[in-house]
N, C-alpha and C. Protein backbone atom coordinates (compact mmCIF):
# COMPACT_ATOMS: atom_id res chain seq x y z
N UNK A 1 29.56 77.42 17.85
CA UNK A 1 29.10 78.20 16.71
C UNK A 1 29.98 77.90 15.50
N UNK A 2 29.35 77.74 14.31
CA UNK A 2 30.10 77.44 13.10
C UNK A 2 30.92 78.66 12.67
N UNK A 3 32.01 78.40 11.94
CA UNK A 3 32.89 79.48 11.52
C UNK A 3 32.71 79.82 10.04
N UNK A 4 31.70 79.23 9.36
CA UNK A 4 31.47 79.49 7.94
C UNK A 4 31.00 80.91 7.72
N UNK A 5 31.22 81.42 6.51
CA UNK A 5 30.71 82.75 6.17
C UNK A 5 29.20 82.72 6.03
N UNK A 6 28.71 81.72 5.29
CA UNK A 6 27.25 81.51 5.18
C UNK A 6 26.92 80.23 5.93
N UNK A 7 26.13 80.34 6.97
CA UNK A 7 25.90 79.22 7.87
C UNK A 7 24.58 78.48 7.63
N UNK A 8 23.57 79.24 7.17
CA UNK A 8 22.23 78.62 7.09
C UNK A 8 21.36 79.47 6.19
N UNK A 9 20.47 78.81 5.49
CA UNK A 9 19.49 79.54 4.68
C UNK A 9 18.14 78.87 4.87
N UNK A 10 17.11 79.70 4.99
CA UNK A 10 15.75 79.17 5.17
C UNK A 10 14.74 80.11 4.53
N UNK A 11 13.61 79.55 4.15
CA UNK A 11 12.50 80.38 3.71
C UNK A 11 11.22 79.80 4.28
N UNK A 12 10.35 80.70 4.67
CA UNK A 12 9.12 80.27 5.32
C UNK A 12 7.94 81.13 4.93
N UNK A 13 6.79 80.80 5.51
CA UNK A 13 5.54 81.46 5.14
C UNK A 13 4.97 82.17 6.37
N UNK A 14 4.63 83.43 6.18
CA UNK A 14 4.06 84.21 7.27
C UNK A 14 2.70 83.67 7.70
N UNK A 15 1.91 83.18 6.74
CA UNK A 15 0.52 82.80 7.02
C UNK A 15 0.42 81.75 8.11
N UNK A 16 1.29 80.73 8.08
CA UNK A 16 1.21 79.66 9.09
C UNK A 16 2.51 79.52 9.90
N UNK A 17 3.40 80.50 9.72
CA UNK A 17 4.64 80.55 10.52
C UNK A 17 5.46 79.25 10.45
N UNK A 18 5.56 78.69 9.24
CA UNK A 18 6.34 77.46 9.12
C UNK A 18 7.54 77.66 8.18
N UNK A 19 8.57 76.84 8.40
CA UNK A 19 9.73 76.81 7.52
C UNK A 19 9.43 75.84 6.38
N UNK A 20 9.48 76.33 5.16
CA UNK A 20 9.20 75.49 4.00
C UNK A 20 10.45 74.77 3.49
N UNK A 21 11.59 75.39 3.64
CA UNK A 21 12.85 74.79 3.19
C UNK A 21 14.03 75.39 3.94
N UNK A 22 15.04 74.57 4.15
CA UNK A 22 16.21 75.05 4.89
C UNK A 22 17.43 74.23 4.52
N UNK A 23 18.58 74.85 4.68
CA UNK A 23 19.84 74.16 4.39
C UNK A 23 20.95 74.78 5.26
N UNK A 24 21.77 73.92 5.88
CA UNK A 24 22.88 74.39 6.71
C UNK A 24 24.20 73.89 6.13
N UNK A 25 25.22 74.72 6.25
CA UNK A 25 26.57 74.30 5.84
C UNK A 25 27.04 73.17 6.76
N UNK A 26 26.84 73.37 8.06
CA UNK A 26 27.23 72.37 9.05
C UNK A 26 25.95 71.78 9.66
N UNK A 27 25.71 70.51 9.39
CA UNK A 27 24.48 69.87 9.85
C UNK A 27 24.38 69.80 11.38
N UNK A 28 25.52 69.94 12.06
CA UNK A 28 25.52 69.88 13.52
C UNK A 28 24.62 70.95 14.13
N UNK A 29 24.57 72.12 13.45
CA UNK A 29 23.82 73.25 14.00
C UNK A 29 22.47 73.47 13.32
N UNK A 30 22.07 72.57 12.42
CA UNK A 30 20.89 72.81 11.59
C UNK A 30 19.61 72.95 12.43
N UNK A 31 19.41 72.09 13.41
CA UNK A 31 18.19 72.15 14.22
C UNK A 31 18.13 73.46 15.00
N UNK A 32 19.27 73.85 15.57
CA UNK A 32 19.35 75.10 16.33
C UNK A 32 19.01 76.29 15.43
N UNK A 33 19.60 76.32 14.24
CA UNK A 33 19.35 77.41 13.30
C UNK A 33 17.89 77.41 12.84
N UNK A 34 17.36 76.24 12.61
CA UNK A 34 15.98 76.15 12.11
C UNK A 34 14.99 76.64 13.16
N UNK A 35 15.23 76.31 14.41
CA UNK A 35 14.35 76.80 15.50
C UNK A 35 14.44 78.32 15.60
N UNK A 36 15.66 78.85 15.46
CA UNK A 36 15.82 80.30 15.54
C UNK A 36 15.13 80.97 14.36
N UNK A 37 15.20 80.34 13.18
CA UNK A 37 14.53 80.89 11.99
C UNK A 37 13.02 80.91 12.18
N UNK A 38 12.47 79.86 12.79
CA UNK A 38 11.02 79.81 13.03
C UNK A 38 10.58 80.93 13.96
N UNK A 39 11.36 81.18 14.99
CA UNK A 39 11.04 82.28 15.91
C UNK A 39 11.19 83.63 15.20
N UNK A 40 12.17 83.70 14.30
CA UNK A 40 12.41 84.96 13.59
C UNK A 40 11.25 85.29 12.65
N UNK A 41 10.65 84.28 12.05
CA UNK A 41 9.48 84.51 11.18
C UNK A 41 8.36 85.19 11.97
N UNK A 42 8.13 84.70 13.18
CA UNK A 42 7.07 85.29 14.03
C UNK A 42 7.37 86.75 14.36
N UNK A 43 8.64 87.04 14.66
CA UNK A 43 9.00 88.41 15.00
C UNK A 43 8.89 89.34 13.79
N UNK A 44 9.31 88.83 12.62
CA UNK A 44 9.20 89.65 11.40
C UNK A 44 7.74 89.89 11.02
N UNK A 45 6.90 88.92 11.29
CA UNK A 45 5.47 89.07 11.03
C UNK A 45 4.88 90.15 11.93
N UNK A 46 5.33 90.16 13.20
CA UNK A 46 4.86 91.19 14.13
C UNK A 46 5.34 92.57 13.72
N UNK A 47 6.52 92.62 13.07
CA UNK A 47 7.06 93.90 12.60
C UNK A 47 6.42 94.34 11.29
N UNK A 48 5.54 93.49 10.74
CA UNK A 48 4.88 93.77 9.47
C UNK A 48 5.91 94.05 8.36
N UNK A 49 6.85 93.11 8.23
CA UNK A 49 7.89 93.26 7.20
C UNK A 49 7.23 93.36 5.83
N UNK A 50 7.47 94.48 5.16
CA UNK A 50 6.82 94.73 3.86
C UNK A 50 7.54 93.97 2.74
N UNK A 51 6.85 93.72 1.62
CA UNK A 51 7.50 93.06 0.48
C UNK A 51 8.75 93.82 0.02
N UNK A 52 9.82 93.07 -0.20
CA UNK A 52 11.11 93.62 -0.65
C UNK A 52 11.82 94.47 0.41
N UNK A 53 11.22 94.56 1.60
CA UNK A 53 11.90 95.28 2.68
C UNK A 53 12.99 94.38 3.29
N UNK A 54 14.13 94.99 3.57
CA UNK A 54 15.25 94.23 4.14
C UNK A 54 15.30 94.42 5.65
N UNK A 55 15.67 93.38 6.32
CA UNK A 55 15.79 93.44 7.79
C UNK A 55 17.00 92.60 8.21
N UNK A 56 17.88 93.20 9.00
CA UNK A 56 19.04 92.46 9.52
C UNK A 56 18.88 92.30 11.03
N UNK A 57 19.06 91.06 11.51
CA UNK A 57 18.93 90.77 12.94
C UNK A 57 20.19 90.03 13.41
N UNK A 58 20.79 90.53 14.45
CA UNK A 58 21.99 89.89 15.01
C UNK A 58 21.62 89.02 16.21
N UNK A 59 22.12 87.79 16.21
CA UNK A 59 21.90 86.87 17.32
C UNK A 59 23.24 86.25 17.70
N UNK A 60 23.22 85.36 18.67
CA UNK A 60 24.44 84.67 19.08
C UNK A 60 24.99 83.78 17.97
N UNK A 61 24.11 83.37 17.06
CA UNK A 61 24.54 82.49 15.97
C UNK A 61 25.13 83.24 14.78
N UNK A 62 24.95 84.55 14.75
CA UNK A 62 25.48 85.35 13.64
C UNK A 62 24.50 86.44 13.24
N UNK A 63 24.56 86.83 11.97
CA UNK A 63 23.70 87.90 11.45
C UNK A 63 22.68 87.30 10.47
N UNK A 64 21.39 87.56 10.74
CA UNK A 64 20.31 87.11 9.86
C UNK A 64 19.97 88.24 8.88
N UNK A 65 20.03 87.94 7.59
CA UNK A 65 19.61 88.88 6.55
C UNK A 65 18.27 88.38 6.02
N UNK A 66 17.25 89.21 6.14
CA UNK A 66 15.88 88.77 5.83
C UNK A 66 15.23 89.69 4.80
N UNK A 67 14.39 89.09 3.97
CA UNK A 67 13.61 89.86 3.01
C UNK A 67 12.35 89.08 2.64
N UNK A 68 11.24 89.80 2.57
CA UNK A 68 9.95 89.17 2.24
C UNK A 68 9.61 89.42 0.77
N UNK A 69 8.75 88.58 0.22
CA UNK A 69 8.27 88.84 -1.14
C UNK A 69 6.80 89.26 -1.09
N UNK A 70 6.21 89.45 -2.23
CA UNK A 70 4.82 89.97 -2.27
C UNK A 70 3.78 88.88 -2.05
N UNK A 71 4.23 87.62 -1.90
CA UNK A 71 3.30 86.51 -1.71
C UNK A 71 3.35 85.92 -0.31
N UNK A 72 3.93 86.66 0.62
CA UNK A 72 3.90 86.22 2.01
C UNK A 72 5.00 85.25 2.40
N UNK A 73 6.03 85.13 1.57
CA UNK A 73 7.18 84.29 1.94
C UNK A 73 8.33 85.19 2.41
N UNK A 74 9.10 84.68 3.34
CA UNK A 74 10.27 85.41 3.83
C UNK A 74 11.49 84.54 3.63
N UNK A 75 12.56 85.15 3.15
CA UNK A 75 13.81 84.45 2.87
C UNK A 75 14.87 84.95 3.85
N UNK A 76 15.59 84.02 4.46
CA UNK A 76 16.51 84.36 5.54
C UNK A 76 17.86 83.67 5.35
N UNK A 77 18.92 84.46 5.40
CA UNK A 77 20.28 83.91 5.30
C UNK A 77 21.03 84.24 6.59
N UNK A 78 21.56 83.20 7.24
CA UNK A 78 22.36 83.39 8.46
C UNK A 78 23.83 83.36 8.06
N UNK A 79 24.52 84.45 8.37
CA UNK A 79 25.91 84.59 7.94
C UNK A 79 26.81 85.03 9.09
N UNK A 80 28.09 85.02 8.80
CA UNK A 80 29.06 85.61 9.71
C UNK A 80 28.69 87.08 9.93
N UNK A 81 28.82 87.59 11.17
CA UNK A 81 28.42 88.99 11.43
C UNK A 81 29.10 90.02 10.53
N UNK A 82 30.30 89.70 10.01
CA UNK A 82 31.02 90.63 9.15
C UNK A 82 30.79 90.37 7.66
N UNK A 83 29.87 89.48 7.35
CA UNK A 83 29.62 89.13 5.95
C UNK A 83 29.00 90.32 5.22
N UNK A 84 29.49 90.64 4.00
CA UNK A 84 28.96 91.79 3.25
C UNK A 84 27.47 91.63 2.94
N UNK A 85 26.70 92.67 3.22
CA UNK A 85 25.24 92.61 3.01
C UNK A 85 24.89 92.36 1.54
N UNK A 86 25.65 92.97 0.62
CA UNK A 86 25.30 92.84 -0.80
C UNK A 86 25.34 91.38 -1.24
N UNK A 87 26.27 90.62 -0.68
CA UNK A 87 26.36 89.22 -1.06
C UNK A 87 25.26 88.39 -0.39
N UNK A 88 24.91 88.77 0.84
CA UNK A 88 23.83 88.06 1.54
C UNK A 88 22.52 88.21 0.76
N UNK A 89 22.24 89.44 0.28
CA UNK A 89 20.99 89.65 -0.45
C UNK A 89 21.07 89.14 -1.89
N UNK A 90 22.27 89.03 -2.44
CA UNK A 90 22.43 88.37 -3.74
C UNK A 90 22.12 86.88 -3.62
N UNK A 91 22.53 86.29 -2.49
CA UNK A 91 22.20 84.89 -2.21
C UNK A 91 20.68 84.72 -2.14
N UNK A 92 20.03 85.64 -1.43
CA UNK A 92 18.57 85.58 -1.31
C UNK A 92 17.92 85.74 -2.69
N UNK A 93 18.46 86.66 -3.52
CA UNK A 93 17.91 86.86 -4.87
C UNK A 93 17.95 85.57 -5.68
N UNK A 94 19.12 84.90 -5.68
CA UNK A 94 19.26 83.68 -6.48
C UNK A 94 18.34 82.57 -5.97
N UNK A 95 18.26 82.43 -4.65
CA UNK A 95 17.40 81.40 -4.08
C UNK A 95 15.93 81.70 -4.39
N UNK A 96 15.55 82.96 -4.28
CA UNK A 96 14.17 83.36 -4.54
C UNK A 96 13.80 83.10 -6.01
N UNK A 97 14.73 83.40 -6.91
CA UNK A 97 14.47 83.18 -8.34
C UNK A 97 14.20 81.70 -8.63
N UNK A 98 14.96 80.83 -7.98
CA UNK A 98 14.77 79.39 -8.19
C UNK A 98 13.44 78.92 -7.62
N UNK A 99 13.08 79.42 -6.45
CA UNK A 99 11.83 79.01 -5.80
C UNK A 99 10.63 79.51 -6.58
N UNK A 100 10.72 80.72 -7.13
CA UNK A 100 9.60 81.30 -7.86
C UNK A 100 9.35 80.62 -9.21
N UNK A 101 10.25 79.73 -9.61
CA UNK A 101 10.03 78.97 -10.84
C UNK A 101 8.93 77.92 -10.66
N UNK A 102 8.64 77.59 -9.39
CA UNK A 102 7.58 76.62 -9.10
C UNK A 102 6.23 77.32 -9.18
N UNK A 103 5.31 76.83 -9.97
CA UNK A 103 3.97 77.45 -10.05
C UNK A 103 3.29 77.44 -8.67
N UNK A 104 2.74 78.57 -8.31
CA UNK A 104 2.03 78.69 -7.03
C UNK A 104 2.91 78.22 -5.85
N UNK A 105 4.18 78.60 -5.91
CA UNK A 105 5.14 78.17 -4.88
C UNK A 105 4.70 78.58 -3.48
N UNK A 106 3.99 79.68 -3.37
CA UNK A 106 3.59 80.22 -2.07
C UNK A 106 2.50 79.38 -1.41
N UNK A 107 1.85 78.49 -2.19
CA UNK A 107 0.81 77.62 -1.63
C UNK A 107 1.28 76.18 -1.49
N UNK A 108 2.51 75.89 -1.87
CA UNK A 108 3.02 74.53 -1.83
C UNK A 108 3.20 74.06 -0.38
N UNK A 109 3.18 72.74 -0.24
CA UNK A 109 3.40 72.17 1.09
C UNK A 109 4.89 72.15 1.40
N UNK A 110 5.20 71.95 2.67
CA UNK A 110 6.59 71.91 3.10
C UNK A 110 7.34 70.78 2.42
N UNK A 111 6.70 69.63 2.26
CA UNK A 111 7.34 68.46 1.64
C UNK A 111 7.72 68.74 0.20
N UNK A 112 6.79 69.35 -0.55
CA UNK A 112 7.01 69.60 -1.97
C UNK A 112 8.12 70.62 -2.21
N UNK A 113 8.02 71.73 -1.53
CA UNK A 113 8.95 72.83 -1.79
C UNK A 113 10.33 72.57 -1.16
N UNK A 114 10.37 71.73 -0.12
CA UNK A 114 11.66 71.45 0.52
C UNK A 114 12.57 70.63 -0.40
N UNK A 115 11.95 69.91 -1.38
CA UNK A 115 12.75 69.15 -2.34
C UNK A 115 13.62 70.08 -3.16
N UNK A 116 13.06 71.24 -3.48
CA UNK A 116 13.83 72.24 -4.22
C UNK A 116 14.99 72.74 -3.39
N UNK A 117 14.76 72.90 -2.10
CA UNK A 117 15.83 73.38 -1.21
C UNK A 117 17.01 72.43 -1.23
N UNK A 118 16.72 71.14 -1.19
CA UNK A 118 17.79 70.14 -1.19
C UNK A 118 18.54 70.11 -2.52
N UNK A 119 17.87 70.54 -3.59
CA UNK A 119 18.50 70.52 -4.91
C UNK A 119 19.29 71.79 -5.20
N UNK A 120 18.78 72.92 -4.75
CA UNK A 120 19.36 74.22 -5.12
C UNK A 120 20.26 74.81 -4.04
N UNK A 121 19.83 74.75 -2.80
CA UNK A 121 20.51 75.50 -1.74
C UNK A 121 21.95 75.05 -1.46
N UNK A 122 22.27 73.75 -1.45
CA UNK A 122 23.66 73.37 -1.13
C UNK A 122 24.70 74.06 -2.01
N UNK A 123 24.44 74.10 -3.33
CA UNK A 123 25.40 74.73 -4.24
C UNK A 123 25.45 76.25 -4.04
N UNK A 124 24.29 76.85 -3.75
CA UNK A 124 24.26 78.29 -3.52
C UNK A 124 25.02 78.67 -2.24
N UNK A 125 24.80 77.91 -1.18
CA UNK A 125 25.49 78.18 0.07
C UNK A 125 27.00 78.00 -0.09
N UNK A 126 27.39 76.98 -0.81
CA UNK A 126 28.82 76.74 -1.05
C UNK A 126 29.43 77.89 -1.85
N UNK A 127 28.69 78.35 -2.85
CA UNK A 127 29.16 79.44 -3.70
C UNK A 127 29.37 80.72 -2.90
N UNK A 128 28.38 81.09 -2.10
CA UNK A 128 28.46 82.36 -1.36
C UNK A 128 29.28 82.25 -0.08
N UNK A 129 29.59 81.04 0.34
CA UNK A 129 30.45 80.88 1.52
C UNK A 129 31.89 81.23 1.18
N UNK A 130 32.28 81.03 -0.09
CA UNK A 130 33.64 81.34 -0.53
C UNK A 130 33.66 82.75 -1.11
N UNK A 131 33.98 83.72 -0.26
CA UNK A 131 33.94 85.12 -0.69
C UNK A 131 34.91 85.41 -1.82
N UNK A 132 36.06 84.75 -1.81
CA UNK A 132 37.08 85.04 -2.81
C UNK A 132 36.61 84.70 -4.23
N UNK A 133 35.59 83.83 -4.35
CA UNK A 133 35.10 83.43 -5.67
C UNK A 133 34.03 84.38 -6.19
N UNK A 134 33.47 85.23 -5.33
CA UNK A 134 32.39 86.13 -5.76
C UNK A 134 32.70 87.60 -5.53
N UNK A 135 33.80 87.88 -4.85
CA UNK A 135 34.11 89.26 -4.50
C UNK A 135 35.55 89.58 -4.91
N UNK A 136 35.71 90.43 -5.93
CA UNK A 136 37.05 90.79 -6.40
C UNK A 136 37.85 91.50 -5.32
N UNK A 137 37.16 92.35 -4.56
CA UNK A 137 37.85 93.06 -3.48
C UNK A 137 38.36 92.08 -2.44
N UNK A 138 37.49 91.12 -2.08
CA UNK A 138 37.89 90.13 -1.08
C UNK A 138 39.01 89.24 -1.63
N UNK A 139 38.92 88.90 -2.93
CA UNK A 139 39.96 88.08 -3.54
C UNK A 139 41.30 88.82 -3.54
N UNK A 140 41.25 90.13 -3.85
CA UNK A 140 42.48 90.92 -3.83
C UNK A 140 43.04 91.00 -2.43
N UNK A 141 42.14 91.15 -1.44
CA UNK A 141 42.58 91.22 -0.06
C UNK A 141 43.19 89.89 0.38
N UNK A 142 42.56 88.79 -0.04
CA UNK A 142 43.09 87.47 0.29
C UNK A 142 44.48 87.28 -0.31
N UNK A 143 44.65 87.77 -1.58
CA UNK A 143 45.94 87.66 -2.24
C UNK A 143 46.97 88.52 -1.53
N UNK A 144 46.54 89.73 -1.12
CA UNK A 144 47.45 90.62 -0.40
C UNK A 144 47.87 90.00 0.93
N UNK A 145 46.91 89.37 1.62
CA UNK A 145 47.23 88.71 2.89
C UNK A 145 48.21 87.57 2.67
N UNK A 146 48.03 86.84 1.54
CA UNK A 146 48.93 85.73 1.23
C UNK A 146 50.35 86.24 0.97
N UNK A 147 50.44 87.33 0.17
CA UNK A 147 51.75 87.93 -0.12
C UNK A 147 52.39 88.46 1.15
N UNK A 148 51.56 89.11 1.99
CA UNK A 148 52.07 89.64 3.26
C UNK A 148 52.60 88.52 4.14
N UNK A 149 51.89 87.39 4.15
CA UNK A 149 52.33 86.26 4.95
C UNK A 149 53.66 85.71 4.44
N UNK A 150 53.78 85.61 3.09
CA UNK A 150 55.02 85.12 2.49
C UNK A 150 56.18 86.06 2.80
N UNK A 151 55.91 87.37 2.65
CA UNK A 151 56.95 88.36 2.95
C UNK A 151 57.36 88.31 4.41
N UNK A 152 56.37 88.13 5.28
CA UNK A 152 56.66 88.03 6.71
C UNK A 152 57.56 86.84 7.01
N UNK A 153 57.24 85.70 6.36
CA UNK A 153 58.07 84.51 6.56
C UNK A 153 59.47 84.72 6.04
N UNK A 154 59.57 85.42 4.86
CA UNK A 154 60.90 85.70 4.30
C UNK A 154 61.71 86.62 5.21
N UNK A 155 61.04 87.63 5.75
CA UNK A 155 61.74 88.56 6.65
C UNK A 155 62.20 87.85 7.91
N UNK A 156 61.31 86.99 8.45
CA UNK A 156 61.70 86.24 9.65
C UNK A 156 62.88 85.33 9.34
N UNK A 157 62.86 84.74 8.12
CA UNK A 157 63.99 83.88 7.73
C UNK A 157 65.28 84.67 7.61
N UNK A 158 65.18 85.89 7.03
CA UNK A 158 66.38 86.73 6.92
C UNK A 158 66.90 87.13 8.29
N UNK A 159 65.97 87.46 9.19
CA UNK A 159 66.39 87.85 10.55
C UNK A 159 67.06 86.68 11.26
N UNK A 160 66.51 85.47 11.05
CA UNK A 160 67.12 84.28 11.65
C UNK A 160 68.52 84.06 11.08
N UNK A 161 68.65 84.27 9.75
CA UNK A 161 69.95 84.09 9.12
C UNK A 161 70.95 85.13 9.63
N UNK A 162 70.46 86.39 9.82
CA UNK A 162 71.34 87.43 10.34
C UNK A 162 71.78 87.11 11.76
N UNK A 163 70.83 86.57 12.54
CA UNK A 163 71.17 86.19 13.92
C UNK A 163 72.19 85.07 13.91
N UNK A 164 72.00 84.10 13.00
CA UNK A 164 72.97 83.01 12.90
C UNK A 164 74.34 83.52 12.45
N UNK A 165 74.32 84.52 11.53
CA UNK A 165 75.57 85.10 11.05
C UNK A 165 76.29 85.84 12.17
N UNK A 166 75.49 86.58 12.97
CA UNK A 166 76.10 87.28 14.11
C UNK A 166 76.70 86.30 15.09
N UNK A 167 76.00 85.18 15.32
CA UNK A 167 76.52 84.15 16.22
C UNK A 167 77.81 83.56 15.68
N UNK A 168 77.83 83.32 14.34
CA UNK A 168 79.03 82.77 13.71
C UNK A 168 80.19 83.75 13.79
N UNK A 169 79.88 85.04 13.56
CA UNK A 169 80.93 86.05 13.65
C UNK A 169 81.48 86.14 15.07
N UNK A 170 80.61 86.04 16.06
CA UNK A 170 81.06 86.10 17.44
C UNK A 170 81.97 84.91 17.77
N UNK A 171 81.56 83.72 17.29
CA UNK A 171 82.38 82.54 17.53
C UNK A 171 83.74 82.68 16.85
N UNK A 172 83.72 83.23 15.61
CA UNK A 172 84.96 83.43 14.87
C UNK A 172 85.87 84.42 15.60
N UNK A 173 85.25 85.50 16.12
CA UNK A 173 86.02 86.50 16.87
C UNK A 173 86.62 85.90 18.14
N UNK A 174 85.81 85.06 18.83
CA UNK A 174 86.30 84.41 20.04
C UNK A 174 87.47 83.47 19.73
N UNK A 175 87.35 82.74 18.62
CA UNK A 175 88.42 81.82 18.23
C UNK A 175 89.69 82.59 17.86
N UNK A 176 89.50 83.75 17.19
CA UNK A 176 90.65 84.57 16.83
C UNK A 176 91.34 85.11 18.07
N UNK A 177 90.54 85.55 19.03
CA UNK A 177 91.11 86.06 20.29
C UNK A 177 91.87 84.96 21.01
N UNK A 178 91.27 83.75 21.03
CA UNK A 178 91.95 82.63 21.68
C UNK A 178 93.24 82.28 20.96
N UNK A 179 93.22 82.37 19.61
CA UNK A 179 94.44 82.09 18.84
C UNK A 179 95.52 83.12 19.14
N UNK A 180 95.12 84.39 19.24
CA UNK A 180 96.09 85.44 19.57
C UNK A 180 96.67 85.24 20.96
N UNK A 181 95.80 84.87 21.90
CA UNK A 181 96.28 84.60 23.26
C UNK A 181 97.23 83.41 23.27
N UNK A 182 96.91 82.37 22.49
CA UNK A 182 97.77 81.19 22.41
C UNK A 182 99.11 81.56 21.79
N UNK A 183 99.06 82.42 20.73
CA UNK A 183 100.30 82.85 20.08
C UNK A 183 101.16 83.66 21.04
N UNK A 184 100.52 84.56 21.79
CA UNK A 184 101.25 85.37 22.77
C UNK A 184 101.86 84.50 23.86
N UNK A 185 101.07 83.54 24.34
CA UNK A 185 101.58 82.62 25.37
C UNK A 185 102.74 81.78 24.84
N UNK A 186 102.65 81.37 23.57
CA UNK A 186 103.72 80.56 22.97
C UNK A 186 105.01 81.37 22.87
N UNK A 187 104.89 82.65 22.50
CA UNK A 187 106.07 83.52 22.41
C UNK A 187 106.73 83.69 23.78
N UNK A 188 105.88 83.92 24.79
CA UNK A 188 106.41 84.07 26.15
C UNK A 188 107.10 82.79 26.61
N UNK A 189 106.49 81.66 26.33
CA UNK A 189 107.06 80.37 26.74
C UNK A 189 108.39 80.11 26.03
N UNK A 190 108.43 80.45 24.73
CA UNK A 190 109.69 80.28 23.98
C UNK A 190 110.79 81.15 24.57
N UNK A 191 110.45 82.38 24.93
CA UNK A 191 111.46 83.28 25.54
C UNK A 191 111.96 82.72 26.87
N UNK A 192 111.01 82.22 27.68
CA UNK A 192 111.40 81.65 28.98
C UNK A 192 112.32 80.46 28.80
N UNK A 193 111.97 79.59 27.85
CA UNK A 193 112.80 78.41 27.59
C UNK A 193 114.18 78.79 27.09
N UNK A 194 114.23 79.84 26.24
CA UNK A 194 115.53 80.31 25.74
C UNK A 194 116.40 80.83 26.87
N UNK A 195 115.85 81.61 27.77
CA UNK A 195 116.60 82.15 28.91
C UNK A 195 117.08 81.02 29.81
N UNK A 196 116.22 80.04 30.03
CA UNK A 196 116.62 78.91 30.87
C UNK A 196 117.78 78.14 30.23
N UNK A 197 117.71 77.91 28.91
CA UNK A 197 118.79 77.19 28.21
C UNK A 197 120.10 77.98 28.28
N UNK A 198 119.97 79.33 28.14
CA UNK A 198 121.17 80.17 28.21
C UNK A 198 121.81 80.12 29.59
N UNK A 199 120.97 80.13 30.63
CA UNK A 199 121.48 80.05 32.00
C UNK A 199 122.20 78.73 32.23
N UNK A 200 121.62 77.65 31.71
CA UNK A 200 122.26 76.32 31.87
C UNK A 200 123.62 76.30 31.18
N UNK A 201 123.68 76.89 29.98
CA UNK A 201 124.96 76.94 29.26
C UNK A 201 126.01 77.73 30.04
N UNK A 202 125.61 78.85 30.61
CA UNK A 202 126.54 79.68 31.39
C UNK A 202 127.04 78.91 32.61
N UNK A 203 126.09 78.23 33.27
CA UNK A 203 126.47 77.45 34.45
C UNK A 203 127.45 76.34 34.08
N UNK A 204 127.19 75.67 32.94
CA UNK A 204 128.09 74.60 32.49
C UNK A 204 129.49 75.15 32.19
N UNK A 205 129.51 76.29 31.49
CA UNK A 205 130.81 76.92 31.18
C UNK A 205 131.55 77.28 32.45
N UNK A 206 130.87 77.86 33.42
CA UNK A 206 131.51 78.25 34.69
C UNK A 206 132.04 77.02 35.43
N UNK A 207 131.25 75.94 35.39
CA UNK A 207 131.70 74.70 36.04
C UNK A 207 132.96 74.15 35.38
N UNK A 208 132.97 74.20 34.05
CA UNK A 208 134.15 73.71 33.32
C UNK A 208 135.38 74.55 33.67
N UNK A 209 135.18 75.87 33.72
CA UNK A 209 136.30 76.77 34.08
C UNK A 209 136.78 76.49 35.50
N UNK A 210 135.83 76.30 36.38
CA UNK A 210 136.20 76.04 37.79
C UNK A 210 136.99 74.74 37.90
N UNK A 211 136.57 73.72 37.17
CA UNK A 211 137.27 72.41 37.22
C UNK A 211 138.69 72.55 36.66
N UNK A 212 138.78 73.30 35.54
CA UNK A 212 140.11 73.51 34.94
C UNK A 212 141.04 74.25 35.89
N UNK A 213 140.50 75.28 36.52
CA UNK A 213 141.31 76.05 37.48
C UNK A 213 141.72 75.17 38.66
N UNK A 214 140.81 74.31 39.09
CA UNK A 214 141.13 73.42 40.22
C UNK A 214 142.26 72.47 39.86
N UNK A 215 142.35 72.11 38.59
CA UNK A 215 143.40 71.16 38.16
C UNK A 215 144.69 71.93 37.85
N UNK A 216 144.59 73.04 37.21
CA UNK A 216 145.77 73.78 36.72
C UNK A 216 146.52 74.48 37.87
N UNK A 217 145.84 75.08 38.79
CA UNK A 217 146.51 75.87 39.84
C UNK A 217 147.48 75.04 40.66
N UNK A 218 147.14 73.85 41.12
CA UNK A 218 148.13 73.06 41.87
C UNK A 218 149.36 72.72 41.03
N UNK A 219 149.17 72.49 39.78
CA UNK A 219 150.30 72.15 38.90
C UNK A 219 151.23 73.34 38.77
N UNK A 220 150.67 74.51 38.55
CA UNK A 220 151.47 75.75 38.40
C UNK A 220 152.29 76.02 39.67
N UNK A 221 151.75 75.79 40.83
CA UNK A 221 152.42 76.06 42.09
C UNK A 221 153.64 75.12 42.26
N UNK A 222 153.61 73.99 41.75
CA UNK A 222 154.75 73.07 41.89
C UNK A 222 155.88 73.51 40.98
């Protein structure tokens, strides 16, 4: 199924149940939409759709907005199910105005009137497919969504930066703790080395005294 807002437009005649003109945004689905439109004409005829009466029909392909004129023609726009009705019927109004410029348009053959469809409908479908260009409310909403998206990205960026800052602070704290531990260990090591040096000095002094006594005492005794 196509994702366009306006997917297909067709107009046909109740008298012989034929499609006189049609245009699809995506040509891939045009045959499918056209067959559904032909069946829809038959159903609307059975419902005795009155001139200027509006009828909305939902199918798997989307929402059909339909309206008949006083000369037995029915105009049908296939849109996204959430497409605003006022714009769907404005599309029908513009298309109908162009078609009614043809003298005796309701009696024209499919070949003749379909030429108008190829000339008028593509631009109309493109115009009404872009809601932001025809709907101030939708344009404002689109702008709000854009701002919200930008703000969301900025907030996510700030959160990422805060997380990186927290990681940096943690690393800095770990390094400081390691430095303090290294400083404490260095102080302890210096103290141990000092005590060892002092012990060696004492031992050397005692040895010197012992040697002197060993030499002096025999001399004194003589």
